[in-house]
Amino acid sequence: MRLRQSYSGYLLGRGGKTLRELQRDIEKGRTPTKAMEDGALVDQLLYGGTTYTEVGTCTKRSGPDKGKPFDPEDWTSADAQEQRAAARERGQVCCLKSEVDAALAQKQSLIDALQDDGIDLVNGVNRLQGDLLDTWNEKAGAYLPLAPGVYTQPRVHWTSEDGVQCAGTLDILEVFAAGHWRIIDTKLSMRADEEWLSKQAADMGWDVQCGAYKEACERGLNLDPALFRGYAIAVCEKRSKLWMSAVHWLEDIFIHCGDEQWRRCKLAWADAVKNDEWPGVTGGKLSPPGYYVSRVFDTADSAAADDLSGIGLDVSDLDTEAQ
């Protein structure tokens, strides 16, 4: 799975889905939704993904131009909407040509912004989209040093100190020749100023994501914790027409908060899996309303739905607890 900030919120009991629902989401994977599409498209273009598709030619369904082909400029066309729905069913992000063009411009602006901050995605990139990044060498029986460079979308598997099996996909991992390393995460946000994003990072659990990805690098890739050089949020502001707006680095205190919250996430998850007790799921038994029983069985007494003798059942014969 790719760890998203909302997952940490669910694990820490901030509301939303239950852990059982979250587990099902992780098992079946993420299905693109309209809310994801703005951010997902630039991810695809930036990191070399192939799970997006453009809307094809549509045809007029009514009016004097009925049957005439055209290239849609928005989503008002029924043909375009049907193509988008079909793409979502296939697990793809469907986009208009104008959206692809805007995302390509955003991609260039992101590259420019990161290069200004010393991160060269053009000349130093190692594309590992969809590949497992693992430096363990079976023959040597040891970890091999990770080659210097900028890694985009490396997927990492690791086991935490608590014994929790984890998997995650970082956006950008930069490794320097001297062994120093840092992580950059890309986000789409309403605003890009520091005050807004500080609150956004706390509310959405971006610091928790930092804690998880740090652990992924340390335990999954054997990078030295002492050589960690920071966690950045590269933000694209929505109102700026999807252009890159800023690159912010988390302060040390925010990183420490993320480490602690990530530790609590793992404990909550491990406890839920061990005991099969999931926050938000009360369990118990469902009893049918009296009117429903009498509708199914004419002999039932709707005033005494617990009395099963009227429908030919003996309560003593039912071991509902065992079931």
Protein backbone atom coordinates (compact mmCIF):
# COMPACT_ATOMS: atom_id res chain seq x y z
CA MET A 1 0.00 0.00 0.00
CA ARG A 2 0.98 3.59 -0.30
CA LEU A 3 0.67 5.18 3.13
CA ARG A 4 -1.60 8.22 2.97
CA GLN A 5 -2.02 10.83 5.66
CA SER A 6 -5.67 9.83 6.21
CA TYR A 7 -4.61 6.30 7.19
CA SER A 8 -2.73 7.58 10.21
CA GLY A 9 -5.78 9.57 11.24
CA TYR A 10 -7.93 6.46 11.20
CA LEU A 11 -5.34 4.49 13.14
CA LEU A 12 -5.20 7.15 15.83
CA GLY A 13 -8.98 7.22 16.19
CA ARG A 14 -9.62 10.64 14.66
CA GLY A 15 -12.87 9.45 13.08
CA GLY A 16 -13.75 8.37 9.57
CA LYS A 17 -13.47 4.76 8.57
CA THR A 18 -13.00 1.97 11.06
CA LEU A 19 -9.79 -0.04 11.11
CA ARG A 20 -11.64 -3.02 9.65
CA GLU A 21 -12.71 -0.90 6.68
CA LEU A 22 -9.20 0.45 6.42
CA GLN A 23 -7.81 -3.08 6.30
CA ARG A 24 -10.14 -3.92 3.41
CA ASP A 25 -9.04 -0.76 1.60
CA ILE A 26 -5.40 -1.74 1.95
CA GLU A 27 -6.06 -5.28 0.69
CA LYS A 28 -8.02 -4.22 -2.39
CA GLY A 29 -5.83 -1.21 -3.21
CA ARG A 30 -6.78 2.38 -3.93
CA THR A 31 -9.37 3.18 -6.59
CA PRO A 32 -9.04 6.66 -8.13
CA THR A 33 -11.84 9.08 -7.28
CA LYS A 34 -12.59 12.58 -8.51
CA ALA A 35 -11.11 14.03 -5.33
CA MET A 36 -7.78 12.33 -6.11
CA GLU A 37 -7.51 13.19 -9.77
CA ASP A 38 -5.87 16.64 -9.61
CA GLY A 39 -3.04 15.33 -7.46
CA ALA A 40 -2.86 11.86 -8.99
CA LEU A 41 -2.22 13.07 -12.53
CA VAL A 42 0.87 15.07 -11.71
CA ASP A 43 2.12 12.11 -9.65
CA GLN A 44 1.77 9.93 -12.74
CA LEU A 45 3.62 12.38 -14.97
CA LEU A 46 6.33 13.24 -12.45
CA TYR A 47 7.10 9.69 -11.36
CA GLY A 48 6.67 7.89 -14.66
CA GLY A 49 3.38 6.14 -13.88
CA THR A 50 1.09 4.68 -16.52
CA THR A 51 -2.29 4.45 -14.84
CA TYR A 52 -3.84 7.58 -16.34
CA THR A 53 -5.59 7.91 -19.69
CA GLU A 54 -6.86 10.82 -21.79
CA VAL A 55 -10.47 11.20 -22.86
CA GLY A 56 -10.90 10.14 -26.48
CA THR A 57 -12.99 11.73 -29.20
CA CYS A 58 -16.69 12.15 -28.32
CA THR A 59 -19.76 12.55 -30.54
CA LYS A 60 -22.69 14.95 -30.37
CA ARG A 61 -25.78 13.10 -29.15
CA SER A 62 -28.40 15.69 -30.06
CA GLY A 63 -28.99 18.91 -31.94
CA PRO A 64 -28.09 19.82 -35.50
CA ASP A 65 -24.55 18.44 -35.06
CA LYS A 66 -25.76 15.01 -33.85
CA GLY A 67 -23.14 12.35 -34.59
CA LYS A 68 -20.36 14.90 -35.19
CA PRO A 69 -17.05 14.00 -33.44
CA PHE A 70 -15.39 16.55 -31.15
CA ASP A 71 -12.64 16.78 -28.52
CA PRO A 72 -14.23 17.69 -25.15
CA GLU A 73 -12.98 20.75 -23.29
CA ASP A 74 -14.87 19.99 -20.08
CA TRP A 75 -16.86 17.22 -18.40
CA THR A 76 -20.32 18.29 -19.61
CA SER A 77 -20.23 15.71 -22.40
CA ALA A 78 -22.02 12.45 -21.57
CA ASP A 79 -19.43 10.54 -23.63
CA ALA A 80 -16.59 12.06 -21.59
CA GLN A 81 -18.32 11.21 -18.31
CA GLU A 82 -18.83 7.60 -19.44
CA GLN A 83 -15.16 7.30 -20.41
CA ARG A 84 -14.12 8.67 -17.03
CA ALA A 85 -16.41 6.21 -15.18
CA ALA A 86 -15.02 3.30 -17.22
CA ALA A 87 -11.44 4.39 -16.48
CA ARG A 88 -12.15 4.50 -12.75
CA GLU A 89 -13.51 0.96 -12.94
CA ARG A 90 -10.17 -0.07 -14.45
CA GLY A 91 -8.32 1.72 -11.64
CA GLN A 92 -7.14 4.55 -13.90
CA VAL A 93 -7.31 8.33 -13.68
CA CYS A 94 -9.10 9.79 -16.69
CA CYS A 95 -8.14 13.29 -17.82
CA LEU A 96 -9.00 15.91 -20.40
CA LYS A 97 -6.21 17.06 -22.70
CA SER A 98 -6.24 20.47 -21.01
CA GLU A 99 -5.72 18.76 -17.64
CA VAL A 100 -2.78 16.77 -18.98
CA ASP A 101 -1.23 19.94 -20.39
CA ALA A 102 -1.69 21.71 -17.03
CA ALA A 103 -0.14 18.77 -15.18
CA LEU A 104 2.87 18.74 -17.53
CA ALA A 105 3.37 22.42 -16.75
CA GLN A 106 3.07 21.61 -13.04
CA LYS A 107 5.63 18.85 -13.44
CA GLN A 108 8.13 21.32 -14.90
CA SER A 109 7.41 23.85 -12.16
CA LEU A 110 7.97 21.16 -9.51
CA ILE A 111 11.28 20.17 -11.09
CA ASP A 112 12.32 23.84 -11.21
CA ALA A 113 11.31 24.45 -7.58
CA LEU A 114 13.17 21.38 -6.32
CA GLN A 115 16.24 22.20 -8.38
CA ASP A 116 16.27 25.64 -6.76
CA ASP A 117 16.38 23.80 -3.42
CA GLY A 118 19.26 21.60 -4.54
CA ILE A 119 17.28 18.54 -5.65
CA ASP A 120 18.07 17.66 -9.27
CA LEU A 121 15.27 15.45 -10.59
CA VAL A 122 16.43 15.79 -14.18
CA ASN A 123 20.04 14.64 -14.01
CA GLY A 124 20.16 12.56 -10.84
CA VAL A 125 16.89 10.61 -10.96
CA ASN A 126 16.68 6.85 -10.51
CA ARG A 127 13.16 5.83 -11.59
CA LEU A 128 11.91 2.88 -9.57
CA GLN A 129 8.17 3.24 -10.16
CA GLY A 130 6.46 0.09 -8.93
CA ASP A 131 9.73 -1.67 -8.08
CA LEU A 132 10.70 -2.87 -4.63
CA LEU A 133 13.76 -1.00 -3.42
CA ASP A 134 15.76 -3.49 -1.36
CA THR A 135 19.47 -3.31 -0.55
CA TRP A 136 19.74 -6.65 1.25
CA ASN A 137 22.22 -8.98 -0.45
CA GLU A 138 21.58 -12.67 0.27
CA LYS A 139 25.03 -13.81 -0.88
CA ALA A 140 26.88 -11.28 1.26
CA GLY A 141 24.39 -11.65 4.11
CA ALA A 142 24.39 -7.88 4.61
CA TYR A 143 22.91 -4.62 3.38
CA LEU A 144 24.65 -2.98 0.45
CA PRO A 145 25.04 0.81 0.41
CA LEU A 146 22.31 2.58 -1.52
CA ALA A 147 23.86 4.31 -4.53
CA PRO A 148 23.81 8.14 -4.39
CA GLY A 149 21.03 9.72 -6.39
CA VAL A 150 17.42 10.87 -6.39
CA TYR A 151 14.92 8.01 -6.19
CA THR A 152 11.32 8.67 -7.22
CA GLN A 153 8.50 6.48 -5.92
CA PRO A 154 10.70 3.76 -4.35
CA ARG A 155 8.55 1.07 -2.74
CA VAL A 156 9.95 -0.28 0.53
CA HIS A 157 9.04 -3.24 2.75
CA TRP A 158 10.24 -3.39 6.34
CA THR A 159 9.55 -4.81 9.78
CA SER A 160 9.27 -2.33 12.63
CA GLU A 161 10.87 -2.83 16.04
CA ASP A 162 7.39 -3.76 17.26
CA GLY A 163 7.23 -6.62 14.73
CA VAL A 164 4.66 -4.89 12.49
CA GLN A 165 5.04 -5.71 8.80
CA CYS A 166 5.01 -2.43 6.84
CA ALA A 167 5.13 -1.32 3.23
CA GLY A 168 5.19 2.18 1.80
CA THR A 169 6.01 4.21 -1.30
CA LEU A 170 7.95 7.42 -0.83
CA ASP A 171 7.60 10.26 -3.31
CA ILE A 172 11.26 11.30 -3.47
CA LEU A 173 14.31 9.97 -1.61
CA GLU A 174 17.62 11.76 -2.09
CA VAL A 175 20.87 10.01 -1.11
CA PHE A 176 24.18 11.90 -1.13
CA ALA A 177 27.67 10.53 -1.80
CA ALA A 178 28.66 10.94 1.86
CA GLY A 179 25.68 8.81 2.95
CA HIS A 180 23.42 11.68 4.02
CA TRP A 181 19.79 11.36 2.97
CA ARG A 182 16.52 13.28 3.01
CA ILE A 183 12.90 12.73 1.99
CA ILE A 184 10.60 14.96 -0.08
CA ASP A 185 6.83 14.43 -0.18
CA THR A 186 4.60 16.14 -2.76
CA LYS A 187 1.18 17.50 -1.77
CA LEU A 188 -1.75 19.33 -3.33
CA SER A 189 -3.17 21.96 -0.98
CA MET A 190 -5.58 24.89 -0.90
CA ARG A 191 -2.76 27.18 0.22
CA ALA A 192 1.02 27.05 0.42
CA ASP A 193 1.86 29.56 3.17
CA GLU A 194 3.60 28.34 6.32
CA GLU A 195 0.81 29.10 8.81
CA TRP A 196 -1.81 27.21 6.83
CA LEU A 197 0.43 24.25 6.05
CA SER A 198 1.59 23.88 9.67
CA LYS A 199 -2.03 23.35 10.68
CA GLN A 200 -2.65 21.16 7.64
CA ALA A 201 0.36 18.98 8.46
CA ALA A 202 -0.86 18.50 12.04
CA ASP A 203 -4.49 17.84 11.12
CA MET A 204 -3.74 15.49 8.22
CA GLY A 205 -0.91 13.58 9.89
CA TRP A 206 1.87 14.55 7.49
CA ASP A 207 4.31 14.31 10.39
CA VAL A 208 3.14 10.74 11.02
CA GLN A 209 3.92 9.98 7.41
CA CYS A 210 7.38 11.41 8.02
CA GLY A 211 7.85 9.01 10.94
CA ALA A 212 6.79 6.05 8.81
CA TYR A 213 9.02 6.94 5.88
CA LYS A 214 12.01 7.61 8.10
CA GLU A 215 11.59 4.12 9.57
CA ALA A 216 11.25 2.70 6.05
CA CYS A 217 14.62 4.17 5.09
CA GLU A 218 16.32 3.16 8.32
CA ARG A 219 14.99 -0.40 8.67
CA GLY A 220 14.15 -1.24 5.07
CA LEU A 221 17.13 0.37 3.34
CA ASN A 222 19.63 0.45 6.23
CA LEU A 223 20.25 4.18 5.89
CA ASP A 224 22.03 5.68 8.90
CA PRO A 225 19.59 7.60 11.19
CA ALA A 226 22.46 9.89 12.20
CA LEU A 227 22.82 10.99 8.57
CA PHE A 228 19.15 11.98 8.12
CA ARG A 229 19.01 15.52 6.76
CA GLY A 230 15.33 16.44 6.76
CA TYR A 231 11.80 15.89 5.51
CA ALA A 232 10.29 18.36 3.02
CA ILE A 233 6.74 19.03 1.87
CA ALA A 234 6.72 20.20 -1.76
CA VAL A 235 3.35 21.92 -2.14
CA CYS A 236 1.32 22.71 -5.20
CA GLU A 237 -1.32 25.33 -4.47
CA LYS A 238 -4.67 24.58 -6.16
CA ARG A 239 -5.54 28.20 -6.91
CA SER A 240 -2.20 28.64 -8.69
CA LYS A 241 -3.50 26.46 -11.54
CA LEU A 242 -1.62 23.41 -10.26
CA TRP A 243 1.79 25.07 -10.39
CA MET A 244 4.35 24.35 -7.71
CA SER A 245 4.18 26.96 -4.98
CA ALA A 246 6.68 26.15 -2.22
CA VAL A 247 8.98 23.60 -0.61
CA HIS A 248 8.73 23.57 3.22
CA TRP A 249 10.95 21.57 5.59
CA LEU A 250 9.56 20.16 8.85
CA GLU A 251 11.23 21.51 11.97
CA ASP A 252 12.83 19.03 14.39
CA ILE A 253 9.97 19.25 16.89
CA PHE A 254 7.46 18.35 14.15
CA ILE A 255 9.59 15.37 13.17
CA HIS A 256 9.74 14.20 16.81
CA CYS A 257 5.95 14.48 17.04
CA GLY A 258 5.67 12.35 13.91
CA ASP A 259 7.95 9.67 15.35
CA GLU A 260 5.80 9.43 18.48
CA GLN A 261 2.52 9.38 16.57
CA TRP A 262 3.84 6.71 14.20
CA ARG A 263 4.82 4.59 17.21
CA ARG A 264 1.25 4.88 18.53
CA CYS A 265 -0.16 3.99 15.11
CA LYS A 266 1.79 0.73 15.03
CA LEU A 267 0.72 -0.22 18.54
CA ALA A 268 -2.93 0.51 17.74
CA TRP A 269 -2.77 -1.53 14.55
CA ALA A 270 -0.96 -4.48 16.13
CA ASP A 271 -3.41 -4.54 19.04
CA ALA A 272 -6.40 -4.44 16.71
CA VAL A 273 -5.07 -7.28 14.56
CA LYS A 274 -4.12 -9.42 17.58
CA ASN A 275 -7.47 -9.08 19.35
CA ASP A 276 -9.66 -8.64 16.27
CA GLU A 277 -11.22 -5.66 17.99
CA TRP A 278 -11.59 -2.67 15.75
CA PRO A 279 -12.47 0.85 16.93
CA GLY A 280 -15.86 1.91 15.68
CA VAL A 281 -17.15 -1.64 15.21
CA THR A 282 -19.49 -2.49 18.10
CA GLY A 283 -20.40 -6.00 16.98
CA GLY A 284 -23.32 -7.72 18.71
CA LYS A 285 -26.41 -9.35 17.18
CA LEU A 286 -29.07 -7.99 14.88
CA SER A 287 -32.69 -8.78 15.80
CA PRO A 288 -35.40 -8.28 13.18
CA PRO A 289 -38.22 -5.86 13.96
CA GLY A 290 -41.46 -7.55 14.98
CA TYR A 291 -43.32 -6.34 11.90
CA TYR A 292 -40.70 -7.98 9.67
CA VAL A 293 -41.02 -11.40 11.35
CA SER A 294 -44.83 -11.31 11.09
CA ARG A 295 -44.50 -10.31 7.43
CA VAL A 296 -42.38 -13.39 6.73
CA PHE A 297 -44.26 -15.85 8.98
CA ASP A 298 -48.05 -15.49 9.22
CA THR A 299 -48.08 -17.42 12.50
CA ALA A 300 -45.61 -15.13 14.23
CA ASP A 301 -46.76 -12.79 16.97
CA SER A 302 -45.39 -9.37 16.08
CA ALA A 303 -45.92 -8.25 19.64
CA ALA A 304 -43.52 -10.92 20.92
CA ALA A 305 -40.80 -11.19 18.32
CA ASP A 306 -38.53 -13.05 20.73
CA ASP A 307 -41.02 -15.93 20.94
CA LEU A 308 -40.01 -18.28 18.12
CA SER A 309 -42.46 -21.07 18.97
CA GLY A 310 -45.10 -19.52 16.74
CA ILE A 311 -42.93 -20.05 13.66
CA GLY A 312 -41.84 -23.58 14.51
CA LEU A 313 -38.49 -22.81 16.16
CA ASP A 314 -37.29 -23.71 19.65
CA VAL A 315 -34.82 -21.26 21.17
CA SER A 316 -33.10 -24.13 23.03
CA ASP A 317 -32.09 -25.63 19.68
CA LEU A 318 -30.22 -22.49 18.63
CA ASP A 319 -26.63 -21.97 19.77
CA THR A 320 -26.36 -18.40 18.55
CA GLU A 321 -23.32 -17.65 20.72
CA ALA A 322 -21.29 -20.36 19.00
CA GLN A 323 -22.36 -19.07 15.63
